[in-house]
Every structure is written in structure tokens, then in C-alpha cells.
Amino acid sequence: MGSTAAQVGLLLVNAVAGFFLFIIVLRFLLQAVKADFYNPISQFILKATNPLLIPVRKIIPGFGGFDIAALVVLVGVELVAIILSLIMTGYSPLPVPNIAIWAILGGVGLFLKLYFWGILIMIVSSWLAPQSQNPALVLIRQIVDPVMKPIRNMLPDMGGIDLSPIVVFLAIQVLEVILIGMARSSGAPGFIIGL
């Protein structure tokens, strides 16, 4: 496949798969944090993911309040995206065992990216619209607060200044460095969604 066609193909695979993977991560987190499922954005996420999740749920039930089927679908979509991307770039032969590792690493990376951007959006919105009840901001708060609250409780009182985002950002950066190191050591190409 020509390099221009391959680049266009990669762009399309990354855009479509990346958007769907992001929604699947949100679907998993909605259940994990017991977010408001009546939020309009939650309703969109449910309707967008149900066609894939409902059949998988019949085979793989949830466990301990976590939607395991969403994680399986997440890795499955990541696998398909990686395989399509490898084929488009002329990668041969396909390194099947490594693809599974890359898919899992990419999935973990998506969770880290979602929390990074979610916390950043919360910080900015706390300056610009601190009491906003925008459905997107409410949902972000519901997803991010369970991670931030234990760290907030561990840190000493700093006179109204919340340093927990700095701690979480640092932890996310450390985890991303570890993930990228693991991906590179397994020979991952640079187009894995989430890394």
C-alpha cells in the first residue's frame, strides 16, 4: 500500500478506534464509580457501547461491581485496531503474541490519559466555572473524585490549596514512562492507541 494511502488508513483507524476505545473506557468507569447513568452523556455512552457489550456480557459477567465485559471489548477493539494498522503499514509477519501485549498496554494507557485530561479539565473548570452543573463536568467530577479523594485525605491541609492533582499527575507520568518502556522493549510500533 502506498505511503499516502497507509497514512490515511492509519489516521482513519486511529480516529475511529480511538473514539470508540475512549467511550468503552468511560463505560467501564461509569459502572466502577457508580456515576449518574441518567446524565445525557452517560446515556450516549450506554447506547454507543451496548451493541458490543451486551453480547459479551452474556459470556463474561461483571465481577465485584466492575464491568469485565467492557475490559474484554476494550482489548478486543485495541487488537483489531493494531492488526489493521500493522497490515496497512506492510508489517509482516504479524507478531501475534506481542500484539496482545500491546493491546493491553494501550488499554492501560487510555485509562491514564483519560484521568490526566479529566483532572486537567476539572482544574480549569474550577477556575472558570466553579459551580457549573454542565453534564460533562458533573460526569468528569464523578469519575475523577474517587481517585483524588484518598490522595487529598493523605496530604496535609495547605490552607485551601489542593495539591492532590500534582501528586496524581506525577503518578500518571511515572506510570506512562513505565508503560512506554514496556511497549518499546516488546517492539511496539509508534501508532498504538493509548501509548
N, C-alpha and C. Protein backbone atom coordinates (compact mmCIF):
# COMPACT_ATOMS: atom_id res chain seq x y z
N MET A 1 0.86 -1.19 0.00
CA MET A 1 0.00 0.00 0.00
C MET A 1 0.90 1.24 0.00
N GLY A 2 0.55 2.22 -0.81
CA GLY A 2 1.35 3.43 -0.88
C GLY A 2 1.43 4.15 0.45
N SER A 3 2.50 4.92 0.63
CA SER A 3 2.69 5.57 1.94
C SER A 3 1.59 6.57 2.25
N THR A 4 1.08 7.29 1.25
CA THR A 4 -0.01 8.24 1.49
C THR A 4 -1.27 7.50 1.89
N ALA A 5 -1.59 6.43 1.16
CA ALA A 5 -2.78 5.63 1.48
C ALA A 5 -2.64 5.01 2.87
N ALA A 6 -1.42 4.54 3.20
CA ALA A 6 -1.19 3.95 4.52
C ALA A 6 -1.38 4.99 5.62
N GLN A 7 -0.90 6.21 5.38
CA GLN A 7 -1.07 7.28 6.39
C GLN A 7 -2.53 7.63 6.57
N VAL A 8 -3.28 7.71 5.47
CA VAL A 8 -4.71 8.00 5.55
C VAL A 8 -5.42 6.86 6.29
N GLY A 9 -5.06 5.62 5.96
CA GLY A 9 -5.65 4.46 6.64
C GLY A 9 -5.37 4.47 8.13
N LEU A 10 -4.11 4.74 8.49
CA LEU A 10 -3.75 4.83 9.91
C LEU A 10 -4.54 5.93 10.63
N LEU A 11 -4.66 7.08 9.96
CA LEU A 11 -5.41 8.19 10.54
C LEU A 11 -6.85 7.78 10.81
N LEU A 12 -7.49 7.12 9.83
CA LEU A 12 -8.88 6.71 10.00
C LEU A 12 -9.03 5.65 11.08
N VAL A 13 -8.14 4.66 11.09
CA VAL A 13 -8.21 3.62 12.13
C VAL A 13 -8.02 4.23 13.50
N ASN A 14 -7.02 5.10 13.64
CA ASN A 14 -6.76 5.72 14.95
C ASN A 14 -7.91 6.61 15.39
N ALA A 15 -8.52 7.35 14.45
CA ALA A 15 -9.62 8.24 14.81
C ALA A 15 -10.85 7.45 15.25
N VAL A 16 -11.27 6.49 14.42
CA VAL A 16 -12.49 5.73 14.72
C VAL A 16 -12.28 4.83 15.94
N ALA A 17 -11.21 4.05 15.93
CA ALA A 17 -10.95 3.14 17.06
C ALA A 17 -10.67 3.93 18.33
N GLY A 18 -9.91 5.02 18.22
CA GLY A 18 -9.60 5.83 19.40
C GLY A 18 -10.84 6.38 20.05
N PHE A 19 -11.78 6.88 19.24
CA PHE A 19 -13.03 7.42 19.78
C PHE A 19 -13.83 6.32 20.48
N PHE A 20 -13.93 5.16 19.81
CA PHE A 20 -14.71 4.06 20.40
C PHE A 20 -14.03 3.53 21.66
N LEU A 21 -12.71 3.43 21.65
CA LEU A 21 -11.98 2.96 22.84
C LEU A 21 -12.19 3.92 24.02
N PHE A 22 -12.18 5.20 23.74
CA PHE A 22 -12.41 6.21 24.77
C PHE A 22 -13.80 6.03 25.39
N ILE A 23 -14.80 5.76 24.56
CA ILE A 23 -16.16 5.55 25.06
C ILE A 23 -16.24 4.27 25.90
N ILE A 24 -15.52 3.23 25.49
CA ILE A 24 -15.52 1.97 26.25
C ILE A 24 -14.88 2.19 27.62
N VAL A 25 -13.78 2.93 27.66
CA VAL A 25 -13.13 3.24 28.95
C VAL A 25 -14.10 3.99 29.85
N LEU A 26 -14.80 4.97 29.27
CA LEU A 26 -15.79 5.71 30.05
C LEU A 26 -16.90 4.78 30.55
N ARG A 27 -17.34 3.86 29.71
CA ARG A 27 -18.40 2.92 30.11
C ARG A 27 -17.95 2.09 31.31
N PHE A 28 -16.71 1.61 31.27
CA PHE A 28 -16.18 0.84 32.40
C PHE A 28 -16.16 1.70 33.67
N LEU A 29 -15.68 2.93 33.52
CA LEU A 29 -15.56 3.81 34.69
C LEU A 29 -16.91 4.24 35.24
N LEU A 30 -17.90 4.42 34.36
CA LEU A 30 -19.25 4.78 34.83
C LEU A 30 -19.74 3.77 35.86
N GLN A 31 -19.57 2.50 35.55
CA GLN A 31 -20.03 1.47 36.49
C GLN A 31 -19.10 1.38 37.69
N ALA A 32 -17.80 1.50 37.48
CA ALA A 32 -16.85 1.36 38.58
C ALA A 32 -17.05 2.43 39.65
N VAL A 33 -17.35 3.67 39.23
CA VAL A 33 -17.51 4.76 40.22
C VAL A 33 -18.97 5.02 40.55
N LYS A 34 -19.88 4.20 39.96
CA LYS A 34 -21.32 4.36 40.17
C LYS A 34 -21.79 5.77 39.82
N ALA A 35 -21.39 6.21 38.63
CA ALA A 35 -21.76 7.55 38.15
C ALA A 35 -23.25 7.58 37.81
N ASP A 36 -23.75 8.79 37.62
CA ASP A 36 -25.15 9.01 37.30
C ASP A 36 -25.42 8.52 35.87
N PHE A 37 -26.16 7.42 35.75
CA PHE A 37 -26.46 6.87 34.43
C PHE A 37 -27.55 7.66 33.71
N TYR A 38 -28.19 8.61 34.38
CA TYR A 38 -29.22 9.43 33.75
C TYR A 38 -28.64 10.72 33.15
N ASN A 39 -27.36 10.94 33.37
CA ASN A 39 -26.67 12.06 32.74
C ASN A 39 -26.76 11.86 31.22
N PRO A 40 -27.06 12.92 30.44
CA PRO A 40 -27.19 12.73 28.99
C PRO A 40 -25.95 12.13 28.33
N ILE A 41 -24.78 12.47 28.83
CA ILE A 41 -23.55 11.90 28.26
C ILE A 41 -23.45 10.42 28.60
N SER A 42 -23.84 10.06 29.82
CA SER A 42 -23.86 8.65 30.21
C SER A 42 -24.81 7.87 29.31
N GLN A 43 -25.96 8.46 28.99
CA GLN A 43 -26.93 7.80 28.12
C GLN A 43 -26.34 7.57 26.73
N PHE A 44 -25.62 8.56 26.22
CA PHE A 44 -24.95 8.39 24.91
C PHE A 44 -23.94 7.24 24.98
N ILE A 45 -23.14 7.22 26.04
CA ILE A 45 -22.11 6.17 26.20
C ILE A 45 -22.76 4.80 26.25
N LEU A 46 -23.86 4.68 27.00
CA LEU A 46 -24.57 3.40 27.09
C LEU A 46 -25.06 2.95 25.72
N LYS A 47 -25.71 3.86 24.99
CA LYS A 47 -26.28 3.50 23.69
C LYS A 47 -25.18 3.18 22.67
N ALA A 48 -24.05 3.86 22.76
CA ALA A 48 -22.96 3.63 21.80
C ALA A 48 -22.24 2.31 22.06
N THR A 49 -22.19 1.88 23.31
CA THR A 49 -21.42 0.67 23.64
C THR A 49 -22.28 -0.59 23.78
N ASN A 50 -23.59 -0.43 23.98
CA ASN A 50 -24.45 -1.60 24.18
C ASN A 50 -24.38 -2.64 23.06
N PRO A 51 -24.34 -2.25 21.77
CA PRO A 51 -24.31 -3.29 20.73
C PRO A 51 -23.14 -4.27 20.87
N LEU A 52 -22.01 -3.83 21.33
CA LEU A 52 -20.87 -4.74 21.54
C LEU A 52 -20.87 -5.36 22.93
N LEU A 53 -21.26 -4.58 23.93
CA LEU A 53 -21.13 -5.06 25.31
C LEU A 53 -22.19 -6.08 25.71
N ILE A 54 -23.43 -5.90 25.27
CA ILE A 54 -24.49 -6.81 25.71
C ILE A 54 -24.21 -8.26 25.32
N PRO A 55 -23.79 -8.54 24.06
CA PRO A 55 -23.47 -9.95 23.73
C PRO A 55 -22.29 -10.49 24.53
N VAL A 56 -21.27 -9.67 24.75
CA VAL A 56 -20.10 -10.13 25.51
C VAL A 56 -20.46 -10.38 26.96
N ARG A 57 -21.38 -9.57 27.51
CA ARG A 57 -21.81 -9.74 28.89
C ARG A 57 -22.52 -11.07 29.13
N LYS A 58 -23.12 -11.62 28.09
CA LYS A 58 -23.79 -12.92 28.22
C LYS A 58 -22.77 -14.03 28.47
N ILE A 59 -21.54 -13.81 28.02
CA ILE A 59 -20.47 -14.79 28.18
C ILE A 59 -19.61 -14.45 29.40
N ILE A 60 -19.32 -13.14 29.58
CA ILE A 60 -18.41 -12.69 30.65
C ILE A 60 -19.18 -11.76 31.58
N PRO A 61 -19.58 -12.26 32.75
CA PRO A 61 -20.33 -11.40 33.68
C PRO A 61 -19.40 -10.41 34.40
N GLY A 62 -20.02 -9.43 35.04
CA GLY A 62 -19.26 -8.49 35.86
C GLY A 62 -18.73 -9.18 37.10
N PHE A 63 -17.80 -8.53 37.77
CA PHE A 63 -17.24 -9.11 38.99
C PHE A 63 -16.92 -7.99 39.97
N GLY A 64 -17.46 -8.05 41.18
CA GLY A 64 -17.16 -7.07 42.22
C GLY A 64 -17.55 -5.65 41.85
N GLY A 65 -18.61 -5.49 41.07
CA GLY A 65 -19.04 -4.16 40.67
C GLY A 65 -18.29 -3.60 39.47
N PHE A 66 -17.42 -4.41 38.86
CA PHE A 66 -16.65 -3.97 37.70
C PHE A 66 -17.18 -4.66 36.44
N ASP A 67 -17.24 -3.91 35.36
CA ASP A 67 -17.74 -4.41 34.09
C ASP A 67 -16.60 -5.07 33.32
N ILE A 68 -16.39 -6.35 33.58
CA ILE A 68 -15.28 -7.09 32.96
C ILE A 68 -15.48 -7.19 31.45
N ALA A 69 -16.73 -7.28 31.01
CA ALA A 69 -17.01 -7.34 29.57
C ALA A 69 -16.49 -6.09 28.86
N ALA A 70 -16.59 -4.94 29.50
CA ALA A 70 -16.08 -3.70 28.90
C ALA A 70 -14.57 -3.78 28.71
N LEU A 71 -13.86 -4.38 29.67
CA LEU A 71 -12.41 -4.53 29.54
C LEU A 71 -12.06 -5.49 28.40
N VAL A 72 -12.85 -6.56 28.26
CA VAL A 72 -12.61 -7.52 27.17
C VAL A 72 -12.85 -6.84 25.82
N VAL A 73 -13.93 -6.07 25.72
CA VAL A 73 -14.22 -5.36 24.46
C VAL A 73 -13.13 -4.33 24.19
N LEU A 74 -12.66 -3.65 25.24
CA LEU A 74 -11.58 -2.67 25.09
C LEU A 74 -10.34 -3.31 24.47
N VAL A 75 -9.91 -4.44 25.02
CA VAL A 75 -8.73 -5.13 24.49
C VAL A 75 -9.01 -5.65 23.08
N GLY A 76 -10.22 -6.15 22.84
CA GLY A 76 -10.58 -6.66 21.52
C GLY A 76 -10.53 -5.58 20.44
N VAL A 77 -11.11 -4.41 20.74
CA VAL A 77 -11.09 -3.31 19.77
C VAL A 77 -9.66 -2.82 19.56
N GLU A 78 -8.88 -2.77 20.62
CA GLU A 78 -7.47 -2.37 20.51
C GLU A 78 -6.71 -3.38 19.63
N LEU A 79 -6.98 -4.67 19.82
CA LEU A 79 -6.35 -5.71 18.99
C LEU A 79 -6.66 -5.51 17.51
N VAL A 80 -7.94 -5.30 17.20
CA VAL A 80 -8.36 -5.10 15.81
C VAL A 80 -7.68 -3.86 15.23
N ALA A 81 -7.64 -2.77 16.00
CA ALA A 81 -7.01 -1.53 15.53
C ALA A 81 -5.52 -1.75 15.25
N ILE A 82 -4.85 -2.48 16.13
CA ILE A 82 -3.41 -2.74 15.94
C ILE A 82 -3.19 -3.61 14.70
N ILE A 83 -3.98 -4.66 14.56
CA ILE A 83 -3.81 -5.56 13.40
C ILE A 83 -4.05 -4.80 12.10
N LEU A 84 -5.13 -4.00 12.04
CA LEU A 84 -5.40 -3.21 10.83
C LEU A 84 -4.26 -2.25 10.54
N SER A 85 -3.75 -1.60 11.58
CA SER A 85 -2.65 -0.64 11.40
C SER A 85 -1.39 -1.34 10.91
N LEU A 86 -1.10 -2.52 11.45
CA LEU A 86 0.09 -3.27 11.02
C LEU A 86 -0.04 -3.70 9.56
N ILE A 87 -1.24 -4.14 9.18
CA ILE A 87 -1.45 -4.56 7.79
C ILE A 87 -1.29 -3.37 6.85
N MET A 88 -1.85 -2.22 7.23
CA MET A 88 -1.76 -1.03 6.38
C MET A 88 -0.34 -0.54 6.20
N THR A 89 0.49 -0.73 7.20
CA THR A 89 1.87 -0.26 7.10
C THR A 89 2.80 -1.33 6.51
N GLY A 90 2.23 -2.48 6.13
CA GLY A 90 3.03 -3.53 5.50
C GLY A 90 3.88 -4.32 6.46
N TYR A 91 3.52 -4.32 7.73
CA TYR A 91 4.26 -5.06 8.76
C TYR A 91 4.04 -6.55 8.54
N SER A 92 5.13 -7.29 8.34
CA SER A 92 4.97 -8.72 8.09
C SER A 92 6.20 -9.45 8.61
N PRO A 93 6.06 -10.61 9.21
CA PRO A 93 4.81 -11.25 9.62
C PRO A 93 4.25 -10.57 10.87
N LEU A 94 2.96 -10.78 11.12
CA LEU A 94 2.32 -10.17 12.29
C LEU A 94 2.81 -10.85 13.57
N PRO A 95 3.35 -10.07 14.51
CA PRO A 95 3.85 -10.64 15.77
C PRO A 95 2.70 -10.88 16.75
N VAL A 96 1.98 -12.00 16.56
CA VAL A 96 0.73 -12.26 17.28
C VAL A 96 0.87 -12.16 18.81
N PRO A 97 1.86 -12.80 19.45
CA PRO A 97 1.92 -12.69 20.92
C PRO A 97 2.15 -11.24 21.38
N ASN A 98 2.97 -10.52 20.64
CA ASN A 98 3.25 -9.12 21.01
C ASN A 98 2.04 -8.23 20.85
N ILE A 99 1.18 -8.52 19.84
CA ILE A 99 0.00 -7.70 19.61
C ILE A 99 -0.90 -7.71 20.83
N ALA A 100 -1.06 -8.87 21.47
CA ALA A 100 -1.88 -8.96 22.68
C ALA A 100 -1.30 -8.10 23.80
N ILE A 101 0.02 -8.13 23.95
CA ILE A 101 0.68 -7.31 24.98
C ILE A 101 0.48 -5.83 24.67
N TRP A 102 0.64 -5.46 23.41
CA TRP A 102 0.48 -4.05 23.01
C TRP A 102 -0.94 -3.58 23.26
N ALA A 103 -1.93 -4.47 23.00
CA ALA A 103 -3.34 -4.10 23.21
C ALA A 103 -3.61 -3.83 24.69
N ILE A 104 -3.06 -4.66 25.56
CA ILE A 104 -3.27 -4.47 27.00
C ILE A 104 -2.58 -3.18 27.46
N LEU A 105 -1.33 -2.97 27.01
CA LEU A 105 -0.61 -1.75 27.38
C LEU A 105 -1.34 -0.51 26.87
N GLY A 106 -1.85 -0.57 25.64
CA GLY A 106 -2.61 0.55 25.09
C GLY A 106 -3.87 0.82 25.90
N GLY A 107 -4.55 -0.25 26.33
CA GLY A 107 -5.75 -0.08 27.16
C GLY A 107 -5.44 0.61 28.48
N VAL A 108 -4.36 0.18 29.13
CA VAL A 108 -3.96 0.83 30.39
C VAL A 108 -3.60 2.29 30.13
N GLY A 109 -2.90 2.55 29.03
CA GLY A 109 -2.54 3.92 28.68
C GLY A 109 -3.76 4.80 28.46
N LEU A 110 -4.84 4.23 27.90
CA LEU A 110 -6.07 5.01 27.70
C LEU A 110 -6.66 5.45 29.04
N PHE A 111 -6.65 4.58 30.03
CA PHE A 111 -7.14 4.95 31.36
C PHE A 111 -6.31 6.11 31.93
N LEU A 112 -4.99 6.01 31.79
CA LEU A 112 -4.11 7.07 32.31
C LEU A 112 -4.38 8.39 31.60
N LYS A 113 -4.53 8.35 30.28
CA LYS A 113 -4.79 9.58 29.52
C LYS A 113 -6.14 10.19 29.91
N LEU A 114 -7.14 9.33 30.10
CA LEU A 114 -8.46 9.84 30.48
C LEU A 114 -8.38 10.56 31.82
N TYR A 115 -7.68 9.97 32.78
CA TYR A 115 -7.56 10.62 34.09
C TYR A 115 -6.72 11.90 34.00
N PHE A 116 -5.67 11.88 33.21
CA PHE A 116 -4.85 13.09 33.05
C PHE A 116 -5.70 14.24 32.53
N TRP A 117 -6.42 14.01 31.42
CA TRP A 117 -7.23 15.07 30.82
C TRP A 117 -8.43 15.41 31.69
N GLY A 118 -9.01 14.42 32.35
CA GLY A 118 -10.14 14.68 33.23
C GLY A 118 -9.76 15.59 34.38
N ILE A 119 -8.61 15.34 34.99
CA ILE A 119 -8.14 16.17 36.09
C ILE A 119 -7.81 17.57 35.59
N LEU A 120 -7.17 17.65 34.43
CA LEU A 120 -6.85 18.96 33.86
C LEU A 120 -8.12 19.78 33.59
N ILE A 121 -9.14 19.13 33.04
CA ILE A 121 -10.41 19.82 32.78
C ILE A 121 -11.05 20.27 34.10
N MET A 122 -10.98 19.41 35.13
CA MET A 122 -11.53 19.80 36.45
C MET A 122 -10.83 21.02 37.01
N ILE A 123 -9.51 21.07 36.88
CA ILE A 123 -8.74 22.20 37.41
C ILE A 123 -9.15 23.49 36.69
N VAL A 124 -9.18 23.44 35.36
CA VAL A 124 -9.53 24.64 34.58
C VAL A 124 -10.96 25.06 34.88
N SER A 125 -11.88 24.10 34.95
CA SER A 125 -13.28 24.45 35.21
C SER A 125 -13.47 25.00 36.63
N SER A 126 -12.62 24.58 37.56
CA SER A 126 -12.73 25.11 38.93
C SER A 126 -12.35 26.59 38.98
N TRP A 127 -11.54 27.05 38.02
CA TRP A 127 -11.19 28.47 37.94
C TRP A 127 -12.25 29.25 37.17
N LEU A 128 -12.71 28.66 36.05
CA LEU A 128 -13.60 29.39 35.15
C LEU A 128 -15.08 29.27 35.53
N ALA A 129 -15.49 28.09 35.98
CA ALA A 129 -16.91 27.87 36.31
C ALA A 129 -17.01 26.92 37.49
N PRO A 130 -16.66 27.41 38.69
CA PRO A 130 -16.55 26.52 39.85
C PRO A 130 -17.84 25.82 40.26
N GLN A 131 -18.98 26.42 40.03
CA GLN A 131 -20.24 25.81 40.45
C GLN A 131 -21.04 25.26 39.27
N SER A 132 -20.39 25.04 38.14
CA SER A 132 -21.09 24.61 36.92
C SER A 132 -21.72 23.23 37.11
N GLN A 133 -22.93 23.10 36.59
CA GLN A 133 -23.62 21.82 36.59
C GLN A 133 -23.74 21.26 35.17
N ASN A 134 -22.79 21.65 34.32
CA ASN A 134 -22.74 21.12 32.96
C ASN A 134 -22.62 19.60 33.06
N PRO A 135 -23.42 18.84 32.28
CA PRO A 135 -23.39 17.37 32.38
C PRO A 135 -22.00 16.77 32.18
N ALA A 136 -21.20 17.35 31.28
CA ALA A 136 -19.84 16.82 31.05
C ALA A 136 -18.97 17.03 32.28
N LEU A 137 -19.04 18.21 32.89
CA LEU A 137 -18.23 18.49 34.08
C LEU A 137 -18.68 17.65 35.27
N VAL A 138 -19.99 17.46 35.42
CA VAL A 138 -20.51 16.63 36.50
C VAL A 138 -19.99 15.20 36.35
N LEU A 139 -20.02 14.68 35.12
CA LEU A 139 -19.55 13.32 34.87
C LEU A 139 -18.05 13.20 35.12
N ILE A 140 -17.29 14.18 34.68
CA ILE A 140 -15.84 14.16 34.92
C ILE A 140 -15.55 14.15 36.42
N ARG A 141 -16.26 14.99 37.18
CA ARG A 141 -16.07 15.02 38.64
C ARG A 141 -16.37 13.66 39.25
N GLN A 142 -17.47 13.03 38.80
CA GLN A 142 -17.84 11.73 39.36
C GLN A 142 -16.79 10.66 39.05
N ILE A 143 -16.14 10.77 37.91
CA ILE A 143 -15.12 9.78 37.54
C ILE A 143 -13.79 10.05 38.25
N VAL A 144 -13.42 11.32 38.35
CA VAL A 144 -12.09 11.68 38.88
C VAL A 144 -12.05 11.71 40.41
N ASP A 145 -13.13 12.13 41.05
CA ASP A 145 -13.12 12.29 42.52
C ASP A 145 -12.73 11.03 43.30
N PRO A 146 -13.19 9.82 42.91
CA PRO A 146 -12.77 8.64 43.67
C PRO A 146 -11.26 8.41 43.69
N VAL A 147 -10.55 8.89 42.67
CA VAL A 147 -9.09 8.76 42.65
C VAL A 147 -8.45 9.88 43.47
N MET A 148 -9.02 11.07 43.37
CA MET A 148 -8.44 12.24 44.03
C MET A 148 -8.68 12.25 45.55
N LYS A 149 -9.84 11.78 45.97
CA LYS A 149 -10.23 11.91 47.38
C LYS A 149 -9.25 11.24 48.35
N PRO A 150 -8.83 9.97 48.11
CA PRO A 150 -7.88 9.36 49.06
C PRO A 150 -6.56 10.13 49.14
N ILE A 151 -6.11 10.67 48.00
CA ILE A 151 -4.84 11.42 47.99
C ILE A 151 -5.03 12.73 48.73
N ARG A 152 -6.17 13.38 48.51
CA ARG A 152 -6.50 14.62 49.22
C ARG A 152 -6.48 14.40 50.72
N ASN A 153 -7.03 13.26 51.15
CA ASN A 153 -7.10 12.94 52.59
C ASN A 153 -5.72 12.67 53.18
N MET A 154 -4.78 12.16 52.36
CA MET A 154 -3.44 11.85 52.87
C MET A 154 -2.56 13.10 52.99
N LEU A 155 -2.83 14.09 52.15
CA LEU A 155 -1.98 15.29 52.15
C LEU A 155 -2.35 16.21 53.30
N PRO A 156 -1.36 16.92 53.84
CA PRO A 156 -1.67 17.87 54.92
C PRO A 156 -2.48 19.05 54.40
N ASP A 157 -3.22 19.69 55.29
CA ASP A 157 -4.03 20.86 54.92
C ASP A 157 -3.09 22.00 54.52
N MET A 158 -3.29 22.52 53.31
CA MET A 158 -2.43 23.58 52.79
C MET A 158 -3.18 24.90 52.70
N GLY A 159 -4.13 25.11 53.59
CA GLY A 159 -4.85 26.38 53.62
C GLY A 159 -5.75 26.60 52.43
N GLY A 160 -6.45 25.56 52.00
CA GLY A 160 -7.39 25.70 50.90
C GLY A 160 -6.81 25.43 49.52
N ILE A 161 -5.51 25.17 49.44
CA ILE A 161 -4.89 24.85 48.16
C ILE A 161 -4.82 23.34 48.03
N ASP A 162 -5.41 22.81 46.96
CA ASP A 162 -5.46 21.37 46.75
C ASP A 162 -4.26 20.93 45.90
N LEU A 163 -3.35 20.19 46.53
CA LEU A 163 -2.15 19.72 45.83
C LEU A 163 -2.31 18.30 45.27
N SER A 164 -3.47 17.69 45.52
CA SER A 164 -3.65 16.31 45.06
C SER A 164 -3.52 16.15 43.54
N PRO A 165 -3.96 17.13 42.69
CA PRO A 165 -3.74 16.95 41.25
C PRO A 165 -2.26 16.81 40.88
N ILE A 166 -1.40 17.52 41.58
CA ILE A 166 0.03 17.44 41.28
C ILE A 166 0.54 16.03 41.55
N VAL A 167 0.09 15.45 42.68
CA VAL A 167 0.51 14.09 43.04
C VAL A 167 -0.01 13.09 42.00
N VAL A 168 -1.27 13.25 41.59
CA VAL A 168 -1.85 12.33 40.61
C VAL A 168 -1.16 12.50 39.25
N PHE A 169 -0.91 13.74 38.84
CA PHE A 169 -0.20 13.97 37.57
C PHE A 169 1.16 13.29 37.59
N LEU A 170 1.88 13.41 38.69
CA LEU A 170 3.20 12.80 38.81
C LEU A 170 3.09 11.27 38.72
N ALA A 171 2.09 10.69 39.41
CA ALA A 171 1.90 9.24 39.36
C ALA A 171 1.56 8.79 37.94
N ILE A 172 0.71 9.56 37.26
CA ILE A 172 0.35 9.21 35.88
C ILE A 172 1.58 9.26 34.98
N GLN A 173 2.42 10.29 35.14
CA GLN A 173 3.63 10.41 34.32
C GLN A 173 4.57 9.23 34.55
N VAL A 174 4.74 8.83 35.82
CA VAL A 174 5.61 7.69 36.14
C VAL A 174 5.07 6.42 35.48
N LEU A 175 3.75 6.20 35.60
CA LEU A 175 3.14 5.01 35.01
C LEU A 175 3.25 5.02 33.48
N GLU A 176 3.10 6.20 32.87
CA GLU A 176 3.23 6.29 31.41
C GLU A 176 4.65 5.98 30.96
N VAL A 177 5.64 6.43 31.71
CA VAL A 177 7.03 6.11 31.36
C VAL A 177 7.26 4.61 31.43
N ILE A 178 6.70 3.96 32.47
CA ILE A 178 6.84 2.50 32.60
C ILE A 178 6.15 1.80 31.44
N LEU A 179 4.93 2.24 31.11
CA LEU A 179 4.18 1.63 30.01
C LEU A 179 4.92 1.75 28.68
N ILE A 180 5.41 2.94 28.40
CA ILE A 180 6.12 3.17 27.13
C ILE A 180 7.40 2.34 27.09
N GLY A 181 8.08 2.23 28.23
CA GLY A 181 9.28 1.39 28.29
C GLY A 181 8.96 -0.07 28.01
N MET A 182 7.85 -0.56 28.58
CA MET A 182 7.42 -1.94 28.33
C MET A 182 7.04 -2.13 26.86
N ALA A 183 6.36 -1.14 26.29
CA ALA A 183 5.96 -1.23 24.89
C ALA A 183 7.18 -1.26 23.98
N ARG A 184 8.14 -0.39 24.24
CA ARG A 184 9.35 -0.35 23.40
C ARG A 184 10.14 -1.64 23.51
N SER A 185 10.23 -2.18 24.74
CA SER A 185 11.01 -3.41 24.91
C SER A 185 10.35 -4.60 24.22
N SER A 186 9.03 -4.49 23.97
CA SER A 186 8.34 -5.58 23.25
C SER A 186 8.24 -5.29 21.76
N GLY A 187 8.89 -4.20 21.29
CA GLY A 187 8.94 -3.88 19.87
C GLY A 187 7.70 -3.19 19.32
N ALA A 188 6.93 -2.52 20.19
CA ALA A 188 5.68 -1.88 19.75
C ALA A 188 5.96 -0.75 18.76
N PRO A 189 5.15 -0.70 17.68
CA PRO A 189 5.27 0.45 16.75
C PRO A 189 4.70 1.70 17.42
N GLY A 190 4.93 2.84 16.81
CA GLY A 190 4.55 4.11 17.42
C GLY A 190 3.09 4.49 17.29
N PHE A 191 2.26 3.62 16.71
CA PHE A 191 0.86 4.01 16.48
C PHE A 191 -0.14 3.29 17.38
N ILE A 192 0.31 2.70 18.48
CA ILE A 192 -0.62 2.02 19.39
C ILE A 192 -1.47 3.07 20.08
N ILE A 193 -2.79 2.94 20.00
CA ILE A 193 -3.69 3.90 20.62
C ILE A 193 -3.57 3.77 22.13
N GLY A 194 -3.32 4.89 22.80
CA GLY A 194 -3.18 4.90 24.26
C GLY A 194 -1.74 5.04 24.72
N LEU A 195 -0.79 4.78 23.81
CA LEU A 195 0.62 4.90 24.21
C LEU A 195 1.25 6.13 23.54
